[in-house]
Amino acid sequence: MDKFKFWDFGIIDFIDVFLVAILLYYIYKLVKGTVAVNIFIGIIVVYLVWRVTDFLNMYMLHRIFDGFIKVGIIALIVVFQPEIRKFLLMVGSTNLSGRGKFFKKMKFLKTESDSETDIIAIVSACQKMGSSKTGALIVIERNNNLDFLMNTGDEMNIKVTQPIIESIFFKNSPLHDGAIIIENNFVKATRVILPVNNEKNIPQRFGLRHRAAIGITEKTDAIALVVSEETGQISYIKYGEFVMFEDIQELTTLLNNDLR
């Protein structure tokens, strides 16, 4: 009967494999295209050397690597602090958004007060401001609450329209400096000061607006749109990374998917 043990695969084993697959998927999303890949490979090499030196009874070298392994957890927390925070944010935000999508599919739970973000108005405003090289920084709230940023700017409660966004970022407008926060299709704050990321290496053509967008999207699950004052180029930033798109139609599709 022992030869049939291979097929003794219960529901707990399935859950175990499924959760490991999810964990590996999130780790892949986390380190893809970053220097963390090289650090991760380095950790694997150190671990293999530690095991090999133990197997070959290389006492002195094994003790050195054994000491490194014992403090490895603390070292990992220090080295991977931004990635760990980003990982936990991705996990929590995915769960919440999944729950939101489930309830949205249940039409009988919807009410007249439900409001969806006017993506067309936002994208059109960005396109218009890009053509006139008007700098802009738009942060759109998703699951993580951004109220902690409100006191850095001016609180508002204005429904999102293309003319409203353009007028806010008009160069002579008193509100154009800083970012705006959009929540449930309303501009909740203007002239907001965002945390700036000074650690990530980004091309010099990107300025403080882009660094601020990276900073807030690393710390929360918000998404950001930046219009460059120098080039008029529109950038889409999520989880601290630039999301590439070919044209305005693709940008609209990306926003629809991320705000769904």
C-alpha atoms as a PDB file:
ATOM      1  CA  MET A   1       0.000   0.000   0.000  1.00  0.00           C
ATOM      2  CA  ASP A   2       3.015   2.304   0.511  1.00  0.00           C
ATOM      3  CA  LYS A   3       3.472   2.767  -3.219  1.00  0.00           C
ATOM      4  CA  PHE A   4       0.156   4.614  -3.365  1.00  0.00           C
ATOM      5  CA  LYS A   5       1.228   7.198  -0.764  1.00  0.00           C
ATOM      6  CA  PHE A   6       2.070   9.606  -3.557  1.00  0.00           C
ATOM      7  CA  TRP A   7      -1.638   9.955  -4.261  1.00  0.00           C
ATOM      8  CA  ASP A   8      -2.495  10.637  -0.623  1.00  0.00           C
ATOM      9  CA  PHE A   9      -3.012  14.334  -1.308  1.00  0.00           C
ATOM     10  CA  GLY A  10      -5.578  15.883   1.006  1.00  0.00           C
ATOM     11  CA  ILE A  11      -7.305  19.237   1.177  1.00  0.00           C
ATOM     12  CA  ILE A  12      -4.708  20.555   3.645  1.00  0.00           C
ATOM     13  CA  ASP A  13      -1.918  19.714   1.196  1.00  0.00           C
ATOM     14  CA  PHE A  14      -3.791  21.531  -1.555  1.00  0.00           C
ATOM     15  CA  ILE A  15      -4.226  24.628   0.627  1.00  0.00           C
ATOM     16  CA  ASP A  16      -0.537  24.462   1.556  1.00  0.00           C
ATOM     17  CA  VAL A  17       0.569  24.360  -2.104  1.00  0.00           C
ATOM     18  CA  PHE A  18      -1.931  27.078  -3.037  1.00  0.00           C
ATOM     19  CA  LEU A  19      -0.709  29.459  -0.329  1.00  0.00           C
ATOM     20  CA  VAL A  20       2.933  28.852  -1.264  1.00  0.00           C
ATOM     21  CA  ALA A  21       2.061  29.627  -4.903  1.00  0.00           C
ATOM     22  CA  ILE A  22       0.404  32.899  -3.838  1.00  0.00           C
ATOM     23  CA  LEU A  23       3.416  33.787  -1.689  1.00  0.00           C
ATOM     24  CA  LEU A  24       5.820  33.148  -4.575  1.00  0.00           C
ATOM     25  CA  TYR A  25       3.603  35.207  -6.898  1.00  0.00           C
ATOM     26  CA  TYR A  26       3.712  38.207  -4.566  1.00  0.00           C
ATOM     27  CA  ILE A  27       7.476  37.850  -4.091  1.00  0.00           C
ATOM     28  CA  TYR A  28       7.869  37.760  -7.890  1.00  0.00           C
ATOM     29  CA  LYS A  29       5.774  40.920  -8.280  1.00  0.00           C
ATOM     30  CA  LEU A  30       7.756  42.548  -5.492  1.00  0.00           C
ATOM     31  CA  VAL A  31      11.281  41.952  -6.811  1.00  0.00           C
ATOM     32  CA  LYS A  32      10.644  41.894 -10.566  1.00  0.00           C
ATOM     33  CA  GLY A  33      12.837  44.459 -12.291  1.00  0.00           C
ATOM     34  CA  THR A  34      14.481  45.714  -9.076  1.00  0.00           C
ATOM     35  CA  VAL A  35      17.887  45.338  -7.425  1.00  0.00           C
ATOM     36  CA  ALA A  36      16.149  43.171  -4.818  1.00  0.00           C
ATOM     37  CA  VAL A  37      16.513  40.273  -7.265  1.00  0.00           C
ATOM     38  CA  ASN A  38      20.311  40.413  -6.917  1.00  0.00           C
ATOM     39  CA  ILE A  39      20.074  40.666  -3.128  1.00  0.00           C
ATOM     40  CA  PHE A  40      17.718  37.665  -3.064  1.00  0.00           C
ATOM     41  CA  ILE A  41      20.173  35.634  -5.170  1.00  0.00           C
ATOM     42  CA  GLY A  42      22.967  36.661  -2.795  1.00  0.00           C
ATOM     43  CA  ILE A  43      20.959  35.367   0.171  1.00  0.00           C
ATOM     44  CA  ILE A  44      20.429  32.025  -1.583  1.00  0.00           C
ATOM     45  CA  VAL A  45      24.189  31.756  -2.286  1.00  0.00           C
ATOM     46  CA  VAL A  46      25.049  32.484   1.366  1.00  0.00           C
ATOM     47  CA  TYR A  47      22.544  29.853   2.524  1.00  0.00           C
ATOM     48  CA  LEU A  48      23.960  27.215   0.123  1.00  0.00           C
ATOM     49  CA  VAL A  49      27.534  27.952   1.249  1.00  0.00           C
ATOM     50  CA  TRP A  50      26.386  27.626   4.871  1.00  0.00           C
ATOM     51  CA  ARG A  51      24.901  24.198   4.153  1.00  0.00           C
ATOM     52  CA  VAL A  52      27.911  23.023   2.131  1.00  0.00           C
ATOM     53  CA  THR A  53      30.436  24.070   4.790  1.00  0.00           C
ATOM     54  CA  ASP A  54      28.378  22.211   7.381  1.00  0.00           C
ATOM     55  CA  PHE A  55      28.279  19.083   5.198  1.00  0.00           C
ATOM     56  CA  LEU A  56      32.061  19.207   4.554  1.00  0.00           C
ATOM     57  CA  ASN A  57      32.843  19.907   8.224  1.00  0.00           C
ATOM     58  CA  MET A  58      34.628  23.168   7.387  1.00  0.00           C
ATOM     59  CA  TYR A  59      34.395  24.355  10.968  1.00  0.00           C
ATOM     60  CA  MET A  60      35.803  27.905  10.813  1.00  0.00           C
ATOM     61  CA  LEU A  61      34.049  28.942   7.609  1.00  0.00           C
ATOM     62  CA  HIS A  62      30.825  27.340   8.769  1.00  0.00           C
ATOM     63  CA  ARG A  63      30.925  29.282  12.047  1.00  0.00           C
ATOM     64  CA  ILE A  64      31.314  32.549  10.138  1.00  0.00           C
ATOM     65  CA  PHE A  65      28.332  31.837   7.899  1.00  0.00           C
ATOM     66  CA  ASP A  66      26.381  30.384  10.834  1.00  0.00           C
ATOM     67  CA  GLY A  67      26.723  33.688  12.669  1.00  0.00           C
ATOM     68  CA  PHE A  68      25.540  35.521   9.572  1.00  0.00           C
ATOM     69  CA  ILE A  69      22.510  33.229   9.233  1.00  0.00           C
ATOM     70  CA  LYS A  70      21.563  33.680  12.900  1.00  0.00           C
ATOM     71  CA  VAL A  71      21.291  37.456  12.533  1.00  0.00           C
ATOM     72  CA  GLY A  72      19.932  37.122   9.001  1.00  0.00           C
ATOM     73  CA  ILE A  73      16.312  37.869   9.962  1.00  0.00           C
ATOM     74  CA  ILE A  74      17.261  41.248  11.453  1.00  0.00           C
ATOM     75  CA  ALA A  75      19.484  41.984   8.454  1.00  0.00           C
ATOM     76  CA  LEU A  76      16.667  41.084   6.063  1.00  0.00           C
ATOM     77  CA  ILE A  77      14.253  43.420   7.842  1.00  0.00           C
ATOM     78  CA  VAL A  78      16.750  46.277   7.590  1.00  0.00           C
ATOM     79  CA  VAL A  79      17.778  45.625   3.978  1.00  0.00           C
ATOM     80  CA  PHE A  80      14.327  44.818   2.659  1.00  0.00           C
ATOM     81  CA  GLN A  81      12.365  47.346   4.727  1.00  0.00           C
ATOM     82  CA  PRO A  82      10.816  49.132   1.697  1.00  0.00           C
ATOM     83  CA  GLU A  83      10.105  45.832  -0.072  1.00  0.00           C
ATOM     84  CA  ILE A  84       8.538  44.254   3.040  1.00  0.00           C
ATOM     85  CA  ARG A  85       6.291  47.289   3.504  1.00  0.00           C
ATOM     86  CA  LYS A  86       5.372  47.154  -0.161  1.00  0.00           C
ATOM     87  CA  PHE A  87       4.688  43.410   0.084  1.00  0.00           C
ATOM     88  CA  LEU A  88       2.352  43.819   3.061  1.00  0.00           C
ATOM     89  CA  LEU A  89       0.625  46.712   1.306  1.00  0.00           C
ATOM     90  CA  MET A  90       0.097  44.608  -1.823  1.00  0.00           C
ATOM     91  CA  VAL A  91      -1.351  41.711   0.190  1.00  0.00           C
ATOM     92  CA  GLY A  92      -3.702  43.877   2.242  1.00  0.00           C
ATOM     93  CA  SER A  93      -4.825  45.982  -0.700  1.00  0.00           C
ATOM     94  CA  THR A  94      -5.522  42.946  -2.862  1.00  0.00           C
ATOM     95  CA  ASN A  95      -7.738  41.431  -0.219  1.00  0.00           C
ATOM     96  CA  LEU A  96      -9.682  44.628   0.218  1.00  0.00           C
ATOM     97  CA  SER A  97     -10.062  45.270  -3.478  1.00  0.00           C
ATOM     98  CA  GLY A  98     -11.170  41.695  -4.032  1.00  0.00           C
ATOM     99  CA  ARG A  99     -13.869  42.174  -1.437  1.00  0.00           C
ATOM    100  CA  GLY A 100     -14.922  45.405  -3.103  1.00  0.00           C
ATOM    101  CA  LYS A 101     -15.184  43.763  -6.502  1.00  0.00           C
ATOM    102  CA  PHE A 102     -17.335  41.003  -5.021  1.00  0.00           C
ATOM    103  CA  PHE A 103     -19.830  43.444  -3.537  1.00  0.00           C
ATOM    104  CA  LYS A 104     -19.850  45.596  -6.666  1.00  0.00           C
ATOM    105  CA  LYS A 105     -20.984  42.586  -8.674  1.00  0.00           C
ATOM    106  CA  MET A 106     -23.999  42.269  -6.378  1.00  0.00           C
ATOM    107  CA  LYS A 107     -26.122  44.957  -8.006  1.00  0.00           C
ATOM    108  CA  PHE A 108     -28.799  44.860  -5.369  1.00  0.00           C
ATOM    109  CA  LEU A 109     -26.300  46.260  -2.865  1.00  0.00           C
ATOM    110  CA  LYS A 110     -25.683  49.379  -4.943  1.00  0.00           C
ATOM    111  CA  THR A 111     -27.296  52.667  -4.028  1.00  0.00           C
ATOM    112  CA  GLU A 112     -27.743  55.958  -5.784  1.00  0.00           C
ATOM    113  CA  SER A 113     -24.999  57.452  -3.618  1.00  0.00           C
ATOM    114  CA  ASP A 114     -22.361  55.116  -5.086  1.00  0.00           C
ATOM    115  CA  SER A 115     -19.923  57.197  -7.103  1.00  0.00           C
ATOM    116  CA  GLU A 116     -17.307  56.121  -9.594  1.00  0.00           C
ATOM    117  CA  THR A 117     -14.301  58.227 -10.470  1.00  0.00           C
ATOM    118  CA  ASP A 118     -14.671  60.115 -13.744  1.00  0.00           C
ATOM    119  CA  ILE A 119     -11.599  58.638 -15.421  1.00  0.00           C
ATOM    120  CA  ILE A 120     -12.360  60.241 -18.790  1.00  0.00           C
ATOM    121  CA  ALA A 121     -12.367  63.709 -17.226  1.00  0.00           C
ATOM    122  CA  ILE A 122      -9.065  63.079 -15.414  1.00  0.00           C
ATOM    123  CA  VAL A 123      -7.305  61.631 -18.464  1.00  0.00           C
ATOM    124  CA  SER A 124      -8.639  64.366 -20.748  1.00  0.00           C
ATOM    125  CA  ALA A 125      -7.440  67.036 -18.321  1.00  0.00           C
ATOM    126  CA  CYS A 126      -3.988  65.432 -18.182  1.00  0.00           C
ATOM    127  CA  GLN A 127      -3.851  65.274 -21.973  1.00  0.00           C
ATOM    128  CA  LYS A 128      -4.831  68.949 -22.264  1.00  0.00           C
ATOM    129  CA  MET A 129      -2.335  70.019 -19.597  1.00  0.00           C
ATOM    130  CA  GLY A 130       0.355  67.926 -21.266  1.00  0.00           C
ATOM    131  CA  SER A 131      -0.183  69.717 -24.568  1.00  0.00           C
ATOM    132  CA  SER A 132       0.334  73.090 -22.834  1.00  0.00           C
ATOM    133  CA  LYS A 133       3.139  71.742 -20.592  1.00  0.00           C
ATOM    134  CA  THR A 134       1.231  72.515 -17.432  1.00  0.00           C
ATOM    135  CA  GLY A 135       2.680  70.568 -14.513  1.00  0.00           C
ATOM    136  CA  ALA A 136       0.247  68.494 -12.462  1.00  0.00           C
ATOM    137  CA  LEU A 137       0.228  65.837  -9.739  1.00  0.00           C
ATOM    138  CA  ILE A 138      -3.002  63.913  -9.194  1.00  0.00           C
ATOM    139  CA  VAL A 139      -3.325  61.274  -6.458  1.00  0.00           C
ATOM    140  CA  ILE A 140      -6.343  58.976  -6.559  1.00  0.00           C
ATOM    141  CA  GLU A 141      -7.292  57.233  -3.324  1.00  0.00           C
ATOM    142  CA  ARG A 142      -8.166  53.555  -3.394  1.00  0.00           C
ATOM    143  CA  ASN A 143      -8.384  51.399  -0.238  1.00  0.00           C
ATOM    144  CA  ASN A 144      -5.870  53.155   2.006  1.00  0.00           C
ATOM    145  CA  ASN A 145      -7.223  56.314   3.595  1.00  0.00           C
ATOM    146  CA  LEU A 146      -5.307  59.500   2.733  1.00  0.00           C
ATOM    147  CA  ASP A 147      -6.853  61.779   5.346  1.00  0.00           C
ATOM    148  CA  PHE A 148      -3.467  62.095   7.076  1.00  0.00           C
ATOM    149  CA  LEU A 149      -2.350  64.248   4.134  1.00  0.00           C
ATOM    150  CA  MET A 150      -5.290  66.648   4.211  1.00  0.00           C
ATOM    151  CA  ASN A 151      -3.807  69.014   6.789  1.00  0.00           C
ATOM    152  CA  THR A 152      -0.757  69.634   4.576  1.00  0.00           C
ATOM    153  CA  GLY A 153      -2.960  71.367   2.003  1.00  0.00           C
ATOM    154  CA  ASP A 154      -6.385  72.934   1.561  1.00  0.00           C
ATOM    155  CA  GLU A 155      -9.406  70.720   2.144  1.00  0.00           C
ATOM    156  CA  MET A 156     -11.967  70.794  -0.654  1.00  0.00           C
ATOM    157  CA  ASN A 157     -15.088  68.961  -1.716  1.00  0.00           C
ATOM    158  CA  ILE A 158     -15.380  69.603  -5.454  1.00  0.00           C
ATOM    159  CA  LYS A 159     -16.804  67.118  -7.944  1.00  0.00           C
ATOM    160  CA  VAL A 160     -14.246  65.984 -10.516  1.00  0.00           C
ATOM    161  CA  THR A 161     -14.608  67.539 -13.957  1.00  0.00           C
ATOM    162  CA  GLN A 162     -12.079  68.304 -16.661  1.00  0.00           C
ATOM    163  CA  PRO A 163     -12.377  72.117 -16.307  1.00  0.00           C
ATOM    164  CA  ILE A 164     -11.999  71.895 -12.511  1.00  0.00           C
ATOM    165  CA  ILE A 165      -8.743  69.921 -12.739  1.00  0.00           C
ATOM    166  CA  GLU A 166      -7.357  72.233 -15.433  1.00  0.00           C
ATOM    167  CA  SER A 167      -8.268  75.338 -13.454  1.00  0.00           C
ATOM    168  CA  ILE A 168      -6.594  73.994 -10.292  1.00  0.00           C
ATOM    169  CA  PHE A 169      -3.283  73.413 -12.067  1.00  0.00           C
ATOM    170  CA  PHE A 170      -3.444  76.585 -14.178  1.00  0.00           C
ATOM    171  CA  LYS A 171      -0.059  78.277 -13.731  1.00  0.00           C
ATOM    172  CA  ASN A 172      -1.525  81.479 -12.261  1.00  0.00           C
ATOM    173  CA  SER A 173      -3.914  79.638  -9.960  1.00  0.00           C
ATOM    174  CA  PRO A 174      -3.160  79.906  -6.219  1.00  0.00           C
ATOM    175  CA  LEU A 175      -3.942  76.167  -5.919  1.00  0.00           C
ATOM    176  CA  HIS A 176      -1.604  74.829  -8.609  1.00  0.00           C
ATOM    177  CA  ASP A 177       1.384  74.141  -6.342  1.00  0.00           C
ATOM    178  CA  GLY A 178       1.455  70.648  -4.824  1.00  0.00           C
ATOM    179  CA  ALA A 179      -0.807  67.653  -5.389  1.00  0.00           C
ATOM    180  CA  ILE A 180      -4.549  67.131  -5.408  1.00  0.00           C
ATOM    181  CA  ILE A 181      -6.239  64.133  -3.805  1.00  0.00           C
ATOM    182  CA  ILE A 182      -9.278  62.586  -5.454  1.00  0.00           C
ATOM    183  CA  GLU A 183     -11.633  60.368  -3.475  1.00  0.00           C
ATOM    184  CA  ASN A 184     -14.920  58.962  -4.784  1.00  0.00           C
ATOM    185  CA  ASN A 185     -14.935  61.377  -7.720  1.00  0.00           C
ATOM    186  CA  PHE A 186     -14.391  64.430  -5.506  1.00  0.00           C
ATOM    187  CA  VAL A 187     -11.306  66.597  -5.137  1.00  0.00           C
ATOM    188  CA  LYS A 188     -10.813  66.340  -1.378  1.00  0.00           C
ATOM    189  CA  ALA A 189      -7.677  68.488  -1.062  1.00  0.00           C
ATOM    190  CA  THR A 190      -5.386  70.727  -3.089  1.00  0.00           C
ATOM    191  CA  ARG A 191      -1.824  72.015  -2.547  1.00  0.00           C
ATOM    192  CA  VAL A 192      -1.058  68.782  -0.689  1.00  0.00           C
ATOM    193  CA  ILE A 193       2.556  68.132   0.290  1.00  0.00           C
ATOM    194  CA  LEU A 194       3.528  64.518  -0.377  1.00  0.00           C
ATOM    195  CA  PRO A 195       6.444  62.517   1.036  1.00  0.00           C
ATOM    196  CA  VAL A 196       9.303  62.652  -1.484  1.00  0.00           C
ATOM    197  CA  ASN A 197      11.339  59.551  -2.296  1.00  0.00           C
ATOM    198  CA  ASN A 198      15.034  60.438  -2.463  1.00  0.00           C
ATOM    199  CA  GLU A 199      16.351  56.874  -2.429  1.00  0.00           C
ATOM    200  CA  LYS A 200      15.134  55.415  -5.706  1.00  0.00           C
ATOM    201  CA  ASN A 201      17.264  56.113  -8.759  1.00  0.00           C
ATOM    202  CA  ILE A 202      15.092  57.609 -11.474  1.00  0.00           C
ATOM    203  CA  PRO A 203      16.161  59.409 -14.669  1.00  0.00           C
ATOM    204  CA  GLN A 204      17.121  63.064 -14.210  1.00  0.00           C
ATOM    205  CA  ARG A 205      14.335  64.178 -16.550  1.00  0.00           C
ATOM    206  CA  PHE A 206      11.897  63.361 -13.745  1.00  0.00           C
ATOM    207  CA  GLY A 207      11.584  65.979 -11.020  1.00  0.00           C
ATOM    208  CA  LEU A 208      10.059  66.459  -7.576  1.00  0.00           C
ATOM    209  CA  ARG A 209       6.516  65.715  -8.758  1.00  0.00           C
ATOM    210  CA  HIS A 210       7.573  62.241  -9.886  1.00  0.00           C
ATOM    211  CA  ARG A 211       9.527  61.608  -6.675  1.00  0.00           C
ATOM    212  CA  ALA A 212       6.508  62.691  -4.622  1.00  0.00           C
ATOM    213  CA  ALA A 213       4.269  60.374  -6.672  1.00  0.00           C
ATOM    214  CA  ILE A 214       6.671  57.490  -6.054  1.00  0.00           C
ATOM    215  CA  GLY A 215       6.781  58.326  -2.342  1.00  0.00           C
ATOM    216  CA  ILE A 216       3.018  58.288  -1.749  1.00  0.00           C
ATOM    217  CA  THR A 217       2.384  55.206  -3.921  1.00  0.00           C
ATOM    218  CA  GLU A 218       5.085  53.304  -2.021  1.00  0.00           C
ATOM    219  CA  LYS A 219       3.501  54.101   1.333  1.00  0.00           C
ATOM    220  CA  THR A 220      -0.129  53.569   0.272  1.00  0.00           C
ATOM    221  CA  ASP A 221      -2.039  51.778  -2.479  1.00  0.00           C
ATOM    222  CA  ALA A 222      -3.012  55.108  -4.079  1.00  0.00           C
ATOM    223  CA  ILE A 223      -2.239  55.672  -7.741  1.00  0.00           C
ATOM    224  CA  ALA A 224      -0.747  58.860  -9.145  1.00  0.00           C
ATOM    225  CA  LEU A 225      -0.766  60.712 -12.447  1.00  0.00           C
ATOM    226  CA  VAL A 226       2.007  63.200 -13.140  1.00  0.00           C
ATOM    227  CA  VAL A 227       2.155  65.700 -15.990  1.00  0.00           C
ATOM    228  CA  SER A 228       5.687  66.954 -16.631  1.00  0.00           C
ATOM    229  CA  GLU A 229       6.072  70.718 -16.812  1.00  0.00           C
ATOM    230  CA  GLU A 230       9.190  70.328 -18.974  1.00  0.00           C
ATOM    231  CA  THR A 231       8.037  67.747 -21.538  1.00  0.00           C
ATOM    232  CA  GLY A 232       4.264  67.510 -21.110  1.00  0.00           C
ATOM    233  CA  GLN A 233       4.616  63.738 -20.731  1.00  0.00           C
ATOM    234  CA  ILE A 234       2.030  61.919 -18.614  1.00  0.00           C
ATOM    235  CA  SER A 235       3.350  59.355 -16.122  1.00  0.00           C
ATOM    236  CA  TYR A 236       1.287  56.705 -14.343  1.00  0.00           C
ATOM    237  CA  ILE A 237       2.722  55.498 -11.031  1.00  0.00           C
ATOM    238  CA  LYS A 238       1.521  52.625  -8.855  1.00  0.00           C
ATOM    239  CA  TYR A 239       3.238  50.864  -5.912  1.00  0.00           C
ATOM    240  CA  GLY A 240       6.219  53.168  -6.393  1.00  0.00           C
ATOM    241  CA  GLU A 241       6.799  52.029  -9.973  1.00  0.00           C
ATOM    242  CA  PHE A 242       6.213  53.636 -13.364  1.00  0.00           C
ATOM    243  CA  VAL A 243       3.506  51.815 -15.328  1.00  0.00           C
ATOM    244  CA  MET A 244       4.174  51.976 -19.050  1.00  0.00           C
ATOM    245  CA  PHE A 245       1.377  52.646 -21.555  1.00  0.00           C
ATOM    246  CA  GLU A 246       1.313  53.260 -25.301  1.00  0.00           C
ATOM    247  CA  ASP A 247      -1.419  55.868 -25.628  1.00  0.00           C
ATOM    248  CA  ILE A 248      -4.286  57.632 -23.879  1.00  0.00           C
ATOM    249  CA  GLN A 249      -6.655  54.736 -24.582  1.00  0.00           C
ATOM    250  CA  GLU A 250      -4.352  52.283 -22.825  1.00  0.00           C
ATOM    251  CA  LEU A 251      -3.934  54.684 -19.890  1.00  0.00           C
ATOM    252  CA  THR A 252      -7.718  54.901 -19.587  1.00  0.00           C
ATOM    253  CA  THR A 253      -7.952  51.106 -19.579  1.00  0.00           C
ATOM    254  CA  LEU A 254      -5.288  50.838 -16.883  1.00  0.00           C
ATOM    255  CA  LEU A 255      -7.118  53.332 -14.686  1.00  0.00           C
ATOM    256  CA  ASN A 256     -10.418  51.546 -15.209  1.00  0.00           C
ATOM    257  CA  ASN A 257      -8.868  48.247 -14.142  1.00  0.00           C
ATOM    258  CA  ASP A 258      -7.107  49.680 -11.081  1.00  0.00           C
ATOM    259  CA  LEU A 259     -10.100  51.681  -9.867  1.00  0.00           C
ATOM    260  CA  ARG A 260     -12.690  49.009 -10.575  1.00  0.00           C
END
